[in-house]
Amino acid sequence: NFASPREEYEYELDRNETHRLLIQVVLADRPEAAGLIQAYVQSAAALRTDAEALARRGDHAGAIKGLEASTRELVRAVRAGGIYVPG
C-alpha cells in the first residue's frame, strides 16, 4: 500500500531502473543476446519516457501504468537473454 500515487510512481521508477540494470548484467554475460533483446529495450525506453512525461504533468496514475508496461518489456528482454525472472 502506498500513501499516494506519487509514492507508488517512485516505487515503480525504482523497480524499472533495477530491471534496466539487470539488462546490463545480461549483456555483460551474454553479449550475443544483444540482438534478441534490443527491440524490448527500445520499447521499454519509449514507454518509460512517456511515463516520465506523464509524471511531470502530475498524472502519476498514468505514469505508473506506463512504467509497469516498460518493466514488462524489460522482463521480456531479460528472459530473451536467457535468464528467467518472475513477473
Protein backbone atom coordinates (compact mmCIF):
# COMPACT_ATOMS: atom_id res chain seq x y z
CA ASN A 1 0.00 0.00 0.00
CA PHE A 2 1.26 3.42 -0.93
CA ALA A 3 0.47 6.75 0.69
CA SER A 4 -0.06 8.43 -2.67
CA PRO A 5 0.11 7.81 -6.42
CA ARG A 6 3.38 9.77 -6.46
CA GLU A 7 4.87 7.38 -3.90
CA GLU A 8 3.78 4.40 -5.99
CA TYR A 9 5.25 6.06 -9.08
CA GLU A 10 8.60 6.42 -7.29
CA TYR A 11 8.47 2.73 -6.37
CA GLU A 12 7.73 1.72 -9.97
CA LEU A 13 10.50 4.01 -11.23
CA ASP A 14 12.99 2.28 -8.93
CA ARG A 15 11.71 -1.14 -9.98
CA ASN A 16 12.11 -0.18 -13.64
CA GLU A 17 15.65 1.05 -13.04
CA THR A 18 16.54 -2.24 -11.33
CA HIS A 19 15.40 -4.14 -14.41
CA ARG A 20 17.37 -1.77 -16.67
CA LEU A 21 20.47 -2.57 -14.64
CA LEU A 22 19.73 -6.27 -14.98
CA ILE A 23 19.83 -5.84 -18.76
CA GLN A 24 23.41 -4.60 -18.41
CA VAL A 25 24.30 -7.73 -16.44
CA VAL A 26 22.73 -9.93 -19.10
CA LEU A 27 24.63 -8.15 -21.87
CA ALA A 28 27.91 -8.37 -19.97
CA ASP A 29 27.42 -12.10 -19.51
CA ARG A 30 25.87 -12.84 -22.89
CA PRO A 31 26.78 -10.16 -25.43
CA GLU A 32 25.47 -12.37 -28.21
CA ALA A 33 21.96 -11.80 -26.80
CA ALA A 34 22.04 -8.10 -27.74
CA GLY A 35 20.16 -8.67 -30.97
CA LEU A 36 17.47 -10.69 -29.19
CA ILE A 37 16.75 -8.07 -26.58
CA GLN A 38 17.23 -4.82 -28.48
CA ALA A 39 13.60 -4.35 -29.52
CA TYR A 40 12.35 -4.98 -25.99
CA VAL A 41 14.82 -2.48 -24.55
CA GLN A 42 13.87 0.17 -27.11
CA SER A 43 10.17 -0.35 -26.41
CA ALA A 44 10.80 -0.15 -22.67
CA ALA A 45 12.76 3.08 -23.08
CA ALA A 46 9.97 4.70 -25.09
CA LEU A 47 7.35 3.64 -22.56
CA ARG A 48 9.46 4.99 -19.69
CA THR A 49 9.98 8.32 -21.48
CA ASP A 50 6.21 8.63 -21.92
CA ALA A 51 5.64 7.70 -18.26
CA GLU A 52 8.13 10.29 -17.07
CA ALA A 53 6.36 12.94 -19.16
CA LEU A 54 3.04 11.99 -17.58
CA ALA A 55 4.57 12.24 -14.11
CA ARG A 56 5.95 15.70 -14.86
CA ARG A 57 2.41 16.76 -15.74
CA GLY A 58 1.13 15.32 -12.46
CA ASP A 59 -0.56 12.25 -13.94
CA HIS A 60 1.06 9.74 -11.62
CA ALA A 61 -1.64 7.13 -12.16
CA GLY A 62 -0.97 7.17 -15.91
CA ALA A 63 2.78 7.23 -15.29
CA ILE A 64 2.51 4.13 -13.10
CA LYS A 65 0.78 2.23 -15.89
CA GLY A 66 3.45 3.33 -18.34
CA LEU A 67 6.27 2.25 -16.04
CA GLU A 68 4.61 -1.10 -15.44
CA ALA A 69 4.42 -1.63 -19.21
CA SER A 70 8.07 -0.59 -19.55
CA THR A 71 9.13 -3.01 -16.85
CA ARG A 72 7.20 -5.84 -18.55
CA GLU A 73 9.22 -5.16 -21.70
CA LEU A 74 12.44 -5.27 -19.68
CA VAL A 75 11.40 -8.58 -18.13
CA ARG A 76 10.83 -9.93 -21.64
CA ALA A 77 14.29 -8.68 -22.62
CA VAL A 78 15.94 -10.41 -19.68
CA ARG A 79 14.12 -13.63 -20.48
CA ALA A 80 15.13 -13.35 -24.14
CA GLY A 81 18.70 -13.07 -22.88
CA GLY A 82 18.36 -16.45 -21.23
CA ILE A 83 17.60 -15.53 -17.62
CA TYR A 84 14.24 -16.26 -16.08
CA VAL A 85 12.82 -13.61 -13.79
CA PRO A 86 9.38 -13.89 -12.27
CA GLY A 87 6.78 -11.34 -13.18
